[in-house]
Amino acid sequence: MALLVVSHSRTLAEGVRELAAQMAPGVRIATAAGAVDGGLGVDVARIAATMQELAEAGDVCVLADIGSSVMGTDAALELVREDLRGRVRFADAPLVEGAIAAAVIASTGAGLDAVVAAAEEARGARKQSL
C-alpha cells in the first residue's frame, strides 16, 4: 500500500508527506507536485509515472489538493498501464486530513478500500471541539 500526494506545490506536497509519514512511519508516501519548470502547477506525466511506479508494487491511494491536480490525476490514470489501473484509487478527501487518516489506516495493513474510506471520512472531521 502506498499513498500518492498530488499538489500544485512541491513544498505543500512534501509537507503533507512529512506530516503523514510521521504519523505512519512504515507507509510509503510519494509526491508528484509542481509544474515541469519547478513552479506551481501540475505535471500529468510525472503524476502518471509515479502512479505507475507505486502500482507496480501494490495498491495506491491518491490524494490531491485542488482543481487541476484532480483533473491531472484523472488524466494521469489514463496513462498508467491498463493492468495496473485497478490498483489505483482516488480519495475524494481533504489533502492534509485525508493523507494522515489514510496513512494511519494503511499502517495497520488495511486494504485499499479501507484506506480510501478513511481518507474520505476525514472530510467531516471537525477542527474545533466547541
Foldseek 3Di string as FASTA:
>chain_A
DAEEEEEQAPVVQVVLVVVLCVLQVVHHYYYQYHDPVRHGDHDLCSLLVVLQVVLVVAAYEYEYADDVSVVSNVVSLVVHPPVSSVRYDYAPAHRNQLSNQLSNVVSVVDDPVVSSVSSNVSRPDDPDDD
